[in-house]
PDB file of N, CA and C in Angstrom:
ATOM      1  N   MET A   1      81.137  80.061 101.086  1.00  0.00           N
ATOM      2  CA  MET A   1      82.293  79.620 101.879  1.00  0.00           C
ATOM      3  C   MET A   1      82.010  78.841 103.354  1.00  0.00           C
ATOM      4  N   ASN A   2      82.457  77.742 103.504  1.00  0.00           N
ATOM      5  CA  ASN A   2      82.259  77.179 104.943  1.00  0.00           C
ATOM      6  C   ASN A   2      83.042  77.681 105.977  1.00  0.00           C
ATOM      7  N   ILE A   3      82.691  77.628 107.084  1.00  0.00           N
ATOM      8  CA  ILE A   3      83.614  78.185 108.072  1.00  0.00           C
ATOM      9  C   ILE A   3      83.777  76.920 109.021  1.00  0.00           C
ATOM     10  N   LEU A   4      85.104  76.815 109.173  1.00  0.00           N
ATOM     11  CA  LEU A   4      85.359  75.833 109.979  1.00  0.00           C
ATOM     12  C   LEU A   4      85.402  75.991 111.639  1.00  0.00           C
ATOM     13  N   ILE A   5      84.805  75.134 112.252  1.00  0.00           N
ATOM     14  CA  ILE A   5      84.732  75.366 113.674  1.00  0.00           C
ATOM     15  C   ILE A   5      85.231  74.127 114.239  1.00  0.00           C
ATOM     16  N   ASP A   6      86.290  74.179 115.202  1.00  0.00           N
ATOM     17  CA  ASP A   6      86.733  73.021 115.892  1.00  0.00           C
ATOM     18  C   ASP A   6      87.253  73.467 117.186  1.00  0.00           C
ATOM     19  N   PRO A   7      86.485  73.519 118.253  1.00  0.00           N
ATOM     20  CA  PRO A   7      86.814  73.857 119.511  1.00  0.00           C
ATOM     21  C   PRO A   7      87.888  73.100 120.314  1.00  0.00           C
ATOM     22  N   SER A   8      88.118  71.765 119.866  1.00  0.00           N
ATOM     23  CA  SER A   8      89.071  71.186 120.566  1.00  0.00           C
ATOM     24  C   SER A   8      90.200  71.392 119.896  1.00  0.00           C
ATOM     25  N   ALA A   9      90.342  71.847 118.606  1.00  0.00           N
ATOM     26  CA  ALA A   9      91.606  72.411 117.978  1.00  0.00           C
ATOM     27  C   ALA A   9      92.137  73.556 118.659  1.00  0.00           C
ATOM     28  N   GLU A  10      91.146  74.376 118.832  1.00  0.00           N
ATOM     29  CA  GLU A  10      91.473  75.828 119.339  1.00  0.00           C
ATOM     30  C   GLU A  10      92.051  75.750 120.846  1.00  0.00           C
ATOM     31  N   ARG A  11      91.386  74.733 121.683  1.00  0.00           N
ATOM     32  CA  ARG A  11      91.772  74.432 123.089  1.00  0.00           C
ATOM     33  C   ARG A  11      93.155  73.628 123.006  1.00  0.00           C
ATOM     34  N   ALA A  12      93.457  72.874 121.763  1.00  0.00           N
ATOM     35  CA  ALA A  12      94.875  72.117 121.871  1.00  0.00           C
ATOM     36  C   ALA A  12      96.109  73.085 121.476  1.00  0.00           C
ATOM     37  N   VAL A  13      95.791  74.084 120.648  1.00  0.00           N
ATOM     38  CA  VAL A  13      96.686  75.299 120.141  1.00  0.00           C
ATOM     39  C   VAL A  13      96.954  76.057 121.455  1.00  0.00           C
ATOM     40  N   LEU A  14      95.916  76.633 122.082  1.00  0.00           N
ATOM     41  CA  LEU A  14      96.121  77.419 123.354  1.00  0.00           C
ATOM     42  C   LEU A  14      96.794  76.503 124.544  1.00  0.00           C
ATOM     43  N   SER A  15      96.602  75.215 124.762  1.00  0.00           N
ATOM     44  CA  SER A  15      97.050  74.524 125.562  1.00  0.00           C
ATOM     45  C   SER A  15      98.589  74.448 125.301  1.00  0.00           C
ATOM     46  N   ILE A  16      98.836  74.035 124.222  1.00  0.00           N
ATOM     47  CA  ILE A  16     100.454  73.856 123.766  1.00  0.00           C
ATOM     48  C   ILE A  16     101.086  75.316 124.115  1.00  0.00           C
ATOM     49  N   VAL A  17     100.807  76.187 123.687  1.00  0.00           N
ATOM     50  CA  VAL A  17     101.236  77.656 123.694  1.00  0.00           C
ATOM     51  C   VAL A  17     101.407  77.840 125.502  1.00  0.00           C
ATOM     52  N   CYS A  18     100.389  77.517 126.068  1.00  0.00           N
ATOM     53  CA  CYS A  18     100.536  77.785 127.621  1.00  0.00           C
ATOM     54  C   CYS A  18     101.722  76.684 128.231  1.00  0.00           C
ATOM     55  N   ARG A  19     101.743  75.473 127.651  1.00  0.00           N
ATOM     56  CA  ARG A  19     102.498  74.400 128.329  1.00  0.00           C
ATOM     57  C   ARG A  19     104.199  74.772 127.687  1.00  0.00           C
ATOM     58  N   PHE A  20     104.193  75.012 126.577  1.00  0.00           N
ATOM     59  CA  PHE A  20     105.536  75.424 125.939  1.00  0.00           C
ATOM     60  C   PHE A  20     106.159  76.532 125.923  1.00  0.00           C
ATOM     61  N   GLY A  21     105.235  77.616 126.098  1.00  0.00           N
ATOM     62  CA  GLY A  21     105.783  79.007 126.144  1.00  0.00           C
ATOM     63  C   GLY A  21     106.123  79.704 124.982  1.00  0.00           C
ATOM     64  N   GLU A  22     107.154  80.565 124.972  1.00  0.00           N
ATOM     65  CA  GLU A  22     107.312  81.488 123.817  1.00  0.00           C
ATOM     66  C   GLU A  22     107.778  80.748 122.594  1.00  0.00           C
ATOM     67  N   THR A  23     108.380  79.750 122.440  1.00  0.00           N
ATOM     68  CA  THR A  23     108.903  79.118 121.181  1.00  0.00           C
ATOM     69  C   THR A  23     107.429  78.649 120.591  1.00  0.00           C
ATOM     70  N   SER A  24     106.599  77.917 121.119  1.00  0.00           N
ATOM     71  CA  SER A  24     105.527  77.652 120.378  1.00  0.00           C
ATOM     72  C   SER A  24     104.421  78.632 120.163  1.00  0.00           C
ATOM     73  N   TYR A  25     104.372  79.780 121.012  1.00  0.00           N
ATOM     74  CA  TYR A  25     103.756  81.109 120.677  1.00  0.00           C
ATOM     75  C   TYR A  25     104.439  81.754 119.433  1.00  0.00           C
ATOM     76  N   LEU A  26     105.747  81.511 119.003  1.00  0.00           N
ATOM     77  CA  LEU A  26     106.145  82.233 117.971  1.00  0.00           C
ATOM     78  C   LEU A  26     105.978  81.396 116.683  1.00  0.00           C
ATOM     79  N   GLU A  27     105.791  80.082 116.961  1.00  0.00           N
ATOM     80  CA  GLU A  27     105.558  79.190 115.866  1.00  0.00           C
ATOM     81  C   GLU A  27     104.161  79.345 115.193  1.00  0.00           C
ATOM     82  N   VAL A  28     103.227  80.001 116.063  1.00  0.00           N
ATOM     83  CA  VAL A  28     101.715  80.184 115.514  1.00  0.00           C
ATOM     84  C   VAL A  28     101.315  81.510 115.493  1.00  0.00           C
ATOM     85  N   ALA A  29     102.111  82.573 116.201  1.00  0.00           N
ATOM     86  CA  ALA A  29     101.562  83.856 116.111  1.00  0.00           C
ATOM     87  C   ALA A  29     101.439  84.526 114.685  1.00  0.00           C
ATOM     88  N   ASP A  30     102.147  84.147 113.740  1.00  0.00           N
ATOM     89  CA  ASP A  30     101.831  84.719 112.385  1.00  0.00           C
ATOM     90  C   ASP A  30     100.678  83.994 111.766  1.00  0.00           C
ATOM     91  N   LEU A  31     100.388  83.072 112.262  1.00  0.00           N
ATOM     92  CA  LEU A  31      99.164  82.322 111.656  1.00  0.00           C
ATOM     93  C   LEU A  31      97.720  82.709 112.164  1.00  0.00           C
ATOM     94  N   LEU A  32      97.762  82.789 113.454  1.00  0.00           N
ATOM     95  CA  LEU A  32      96.538  83.135 114.149  1.00  0.00           C
ATOM     96  C   LEU A  32      96.297  84.372 114.426  1.00  0.00           C
ATOM     97  N   THR A  33      95.001  84.808 114.508  1.00  0.00           N
ATOM     98  CA  THR A  33      94.336  86.097 115.030  1.00  0.00           C
ATOM     99  C   THR A  33      93.309  85.645 115.775  1.00  0.00           C
ATOM    100  N   GLU A  34      92.481  87.008 116.670  1.00  0.00           N
ATOM    101  CA  GLU A  34      91.497  86.643 117.283  1.00  0.00           C
ATOM    102  C   GLU A  34      90.415  86.049 116.533  1.00  0.00           C
ATOM    103  N   GLN A  35      90.267  86.379 115.283  1.00  0.00           N
ATOM    104  CA  GLN A  35      89.194  85.821 114.453  1.00  0.00           C
ATOM    105  C   GLN A  35      89.369  84.333 114.090  1.00  0.00           C
ATOM    106  N   SER A  36      90.658  83.690 114.410  1.00  0.00           N
ATOM    107  CA  SER A  36      90.790  82.315 114.357  1.00  0.00           C
ATOM    108  C   SER A  36      90.029  81.404 115.336  1.00  0.00           C
ATOM    109  N   PHE A  37      89.678  82.118 116.296  1.00  0.00           N
ATOM    110  CA  PHE A  37      88.847  81.206 117.453  1.00  0.00           C
ATOM    111  C   PHE A  37      87.526  81.728 117.471  1.00  0.00           C
ATOM    112  N   VAL A  38      86.422  80.741 117.508  1.00  0.00           N
ATOM    113  CA  VAL A  38      85.202  80.853 117.554  1.00  0.00           C
ATOM    114  C   VAL A  38      84.547  80.837 119.047  1.00  0.00           C
ATOM    115  N   ILE A  39      85.268  80.169 119.967  1.00  0.00           N
ATOM    116  CA  ILE A  39      84.658  80.275 121.391  1.00  0.00           C
ATOM    117  C   ILE A  39      85.153  81.321 122.310  1.00  0.00           C
ATOM    118  N   ASP A  40      84.447  82.103 122.756  1.00  0.00           N
ATOM    119  CA  ASP A  40      84.631  83.422 123.361  1.00  0.00           C
ATOM    120  C   ASP A  40      85.991  83.475 124.372  1.00  0.00           C
ATOM    121  N   SER A  41      85.587  82.355 125.354  1.00  0.00           N
ATOM    122  CA  SER A  41      86.802  81.901 126.176  1.00  0.00           C
ATOM    123  C   SER A  41      88.142  82.003 125.709  1.00  0.00           C
ATOM    124  N   ASN A  42      88.123  81.015 124.400  1.00  0.00           N
ATOM    125  CA  ASN A  42      89.389  81.076 123.706  1.00  0.00           C
ATOM    126  C   ASN A  42      90.070  82.251 122.958  1.00  0.00           C
ATOM    127  N   VAL A  43      89.058  83.200 122.614  1.00  0.00           N
ATOM    128  CA  VAL A  43      89.301  84.547 122.030  1.00  0.00           C
ATOM    129  C   VAL A  43      90.170  85.418 123.260  1.00  0.00           C
ATOM    130  N   ILE A  44      89.623  85.327 124.372  1.00  0.00           N
ATOM    131  CA  ILE A  44      90.016  86.067 125.514  1.00  0.00           C
ATOM    132  C   ILE A  44      91.558  85.346 125.909  1.00  0.00           C
ATOM    133  N   LEU A  45      91.421  84.037 126.018  1.00  0.00           N
ATOM    134  CA  LEU A  45      92.711  83.580 126.416  1.00  0.00           C
ATOM    135  C   LEU A  45      93.930  83.792 125.242  1.00  0.00           C
ATOM    136  N   TRP A  46      93.511  83.895 124.089  1.00  0.00           N
ATOM    137  CA  TRP A  46      94.423  84.372 122.990  1.00  0.00           C
ATOM    138  C   TRP A  46      94.934  85.621 123.197  1.00  0.00           C
ATOM    139  N   LYS A  47      93.990  86.540 123.296  1.00  0.00           N
ATOM    140  CA  LYS A  47      94.362  88.016 123.651  1.00  0.00           C
ATOM    141  C   LYS A  47      95.390  88.172 124.864  1.00  0.00           C
ATOM    142  N   CYS A  48      95.082  87.495 125.920  1.00  0.00           N
ATOM    143  CA  CYS A  48      95.945  87.415 127.058  1.00  0.00           C
ATOM    144  C   CYS A  48      97.292  86.896 126.735  1.00  0.00           C
ATOM    145  N   LEU A  49      97.550  85.667 125.965  1.00  0.00           N
ATOM    146  CA  LEU A  49      98.646  85.261 125.571  1.00  0.00           C
ATOM    147  C   LEU A  49      99.368  86.215 124.630  1.00  0.00           C
ATOM    148  N   GLN A  50      98.829  86.742 123.694  1.00  0.00           N
ATOM    149  CA  GLN A  50      99.399  87.898 122.850  1.00  0.00           C
ATOM    150  C   GLN A  50     100.117  89.126 123.743  1.00  0.00           C
ATOM    151  N   LYS A  51      99.403  89.259 124.568  1.00  0.00           N
ATOM    152  CA  LYS A  51      99.785  90.451 125.547  1.00  0.00           C
ATOM    153  C   LYS A  51     101.044  90.201 126.260  1.00  0.00           C
ATOM    154  N   ILE A  52     101.009  88.937 127.035  1.00  0.00           N
ATOM    155  CA  ILE A  52     102.101  88.285 127.505  1.00  0.00           C
ATOM    156  C   ILE A  52     103.328  88.294 126.652  1.00  0.00           C
ATOM    157  N   PHE A  53     103.210  87.660 125.673  1.00  0.00           N
ATOM    158  CA  PHE A  53     104.304  87.449 124.849  1.00  0.00           C
ATOM    159  C   PHE A  53     104.841  88.615 123.806  1.00  0.00           C
ATOM    160  N   SER A  54     104.101  89.523 123.537  1.00  0.00           N
ATOM    161  CA  SER A  54     104.295  90.513 122.887  1.00  0.00           C
ATOM    162  C   SER A  54     104.855  91.725 123.571  1.00  0.00           C
ATOM    163  N   ASN A  55     104.332  91.984 124.456  1.00  0.00           N
ATOM    164  CA  ASN A  55     104.656  93.053 125.422  1.00  0.00           C
ATOM    165  C   ASN A  55     105.538  92.841 126.609  1.00  0.00           C
ATOM    166  N   GLU A  56     105.638  91.788 127.216  1.00  0.00           N
ATOM    167  CA  GLU A  56     106.328  91.587 128.344  1.00  0.00           C
ATOM    168  C   GLU A  56     107.614  90.482 128.228  1.00  0.00           C
ATOM    169  N   LYS A  57     107.750  89.913 127.042  1.00  0.00           N
ATOM    170  CA  LYS A  57     108.499  89.096 126.733  1.00  0.00           C
ATOM    171  C   LYS A  57     108.945  87.911 127.769  1.00  0.00           C
ATOM    172  N   VAL A  58     107.838  87.250 128.177  1.00  0.00           N
ATOM    173  CA  VAL A  58     107.927  86.158 129.210  1.00  0.00           C
ATOM    174  C   VAL A  58     108.153  85.082 128.601  1.00  0.00           C
ATOM    175  N   ARG A  59     108.868  84.124 128.943  1.00  0.00           N
ATOM    176  CA  ARG A  59     109.308  82.871 128.338  1.00  0.00           C
ATOM    177  C   ARG A  59     108.261  81.901 128.624  1.00  0.00           C
ATOM    178  N   SER A  60     107.573  81.747 129.609  1.00  0.00           N
ATOM    179  CA  SER A  60     106.584  80.758 130.109  1.00  0.00           C
ATOM    180  C   SER A  60     105.373  81.496 130.578  1.00  0.00           C
ATOM    181  N   ILE A  61     104.452  80.684 130.776  1.00  0.00           N
ATOM    182  CA  ILE A  61     102.925  81.007 131.167  1.00  0.00           C
ATOM    183  C   ILE A  61     102.642  80.369 132.507  1.00  0.00           C
ATOM    184  N   ASP A  62     101.964  81.331 133.336  1.00  0.00           N
ATOM    185  CA  ASP A  62     101.299  80.706 134.549  1.00  0.00           C
ATOM    186  C   ASP A  62     100.101  81.200 134.561  1.00  0.00           C
ATOM    187  N   VAL A  63      99.245  80.776 135.459  1.00  0.00           N
ATOM    188  CA  VAL A  63      97.881  81.121 135.827  1.00  0.00           C
ATOM    189  C   VAL A  63      97.960  82.706 136.254  1.00  0.00           C
ATOM    190  N   ALA A  64      99.016  82.923 136.977  1.00  0.00           N
ATOM    191  CA  ALA A  64      99.007  84.432 137.516  1.00  0.00           C
ATOM    192  C   ALA A  64      99.248  85.482 136.473  1.00  0.00           C
ATOM    193  N   SER A  65     100.099  85.098 135.151  1.00  0.00           N
ATOM    194  CA  SER A  65     100.579  85.934 134.253  1.00  0.00           C
ATOM    195  C   SER A  65      99.235  86.114 133.421  1.00  0.00           C
ATOM    196  N   ILE A  66      98.412  85.047 133.301  1.00  0.00           N
ATOM    197  CA  ILE A  66      97.219  85.155 132.372  1.00  0.00           C
ATOM    198  C   ILE A  66      96.378  85.867 133.124  1.00  0.00           C
ATOM    199  N   HIS A  67      96.099  85.849 134.327  1.00  0.00           N
ATOM    200  CA  HIS A  67      95.161  86.834 135.155  1.00  0.00           C
ATOM    201  C   HIS A  67      95.793  88.370 134.837  1.00  0.00           C
ATOM    202  N   SER A  68      96.772  88.456 135.166  1.00  0.00           N
ATOM    203  CA  SER A  68      97.309  89.902 135.253  1.00  0.00           C
ATOM    204  C   SER A  68      97.072  90.469 133.541  1.00  0.00           C
ATOM    205  N   ALA A  69      97.478  89.621 132.828  1.00  0.00           N
ATOM    206  CA  ALA A  69      97.285  90.280 131.341  1.00  0.00           C
ATOM    207  C   ALA A  69      95.822  90.470 130.969  1.00  0.00           C
ATOM    208  N   ALA A  70      94.669  89.762 131.621  1.00  0.00           N
ATOM    209  CA  ALA A  70      93.385  89.831 131.479  1.00  0.00           C
ATOM    210  C   ALA A  70      93.065  91.250 132.068  1.00  0.00           C
ATOM    211  N   LYS A  71      93.506  91.327 133.472  1.00  0.00           N
ATOM    212  CA  LYS A  71      93.315  92.509 134.154  1.00  0.00           C
ATOM    213  C   LYS A  71      93.664  93.828 133.503  1.00  0.00           C
ATOM    214  N   GLU A  72      94.976  93.719 132.669  1.00  0.00           N
ATOM    215  CA  GLU A  72      95.589  94.978 131.952  1.00  0.00           C
ATOM    216  C   GLU A  72      94.649  95.091 130.607  1.00  0.00           C
ATOM    217  N   LEU A  73      94.031  94.023 130.105  1.00  0.00           N
ATOM    218  CA  LEU A  73      93.270  94.388 129.040  1.00  0.00           C
ATOM    219  C   LEU A  73      91.661  94.564 129.441  1.00  0.00           C
ATOM    220  N   ASN A  74      91.396  94.437 130.634  1.00  0.00           N
ATOM    221  CA  ASN A  74      90.059  94.929 131.163  1.00  0.00           C
ATOM    222  C   ASN A  74      89.271  93.725 130.877  1.00  0.00           C
ATOM    223  N   LEU A  75      89.653  92.512 130.957  1.00  0.00           N
ATOM    224  CA  LEU A  75      89.030  91.378 130.601  1.00  0.00           C
ATOM    225  C   LEU A  75      88.857  90.414 131.717  1.00  0.00           C
ATOM    226  N   ASP A  76      89.492  90.754 132.822  1.00  0.00           N
ATOM    227  CA  ASP A  76      89.355  90.088 133.827  1.00  0.00           C
ATOM    228  C   ASP A  76      87.940  89.592 134.635  1.00  0.00           C
ATOM    229  N   HIS A  77      86.988  90.413 134.293  1.00  0.00           N
ATOM    230  CA  HIS A  77      85.511  90.101 134.696  1.00  0.00           C
ATOM    231  C   HIS A  77      84.855  88.854 134.153  1.00  0.00           C
ATOM    232  N   ILE A  78      85.407  88.777 132.876  1.00  0.00           N
ATOM    233  CA  ILE A  78      84.922  87.445 131.997  1.00  0.00           C
ATOM    234  C   ILE A  78      85.682  86.375 132.551  1.00  0.00           C
TER     235      ILE A  78
END
């Protein structure tokens, strides 16, 4: 089985979720997991987005909310 790796597609999905917020997150949340990403920084960003939208019910994203989620997940050192 071939593993598809497309870092630009990963970044595109993450940037769309960050730009358009909860609506776009809900569109892809059922389709994507941490294993959907191969770039480590993209995995960390996805974990932060999951934390923000799943637990805090925030409608939009900013840098401070991503940093806060990373800190709560103990990923802020990365």
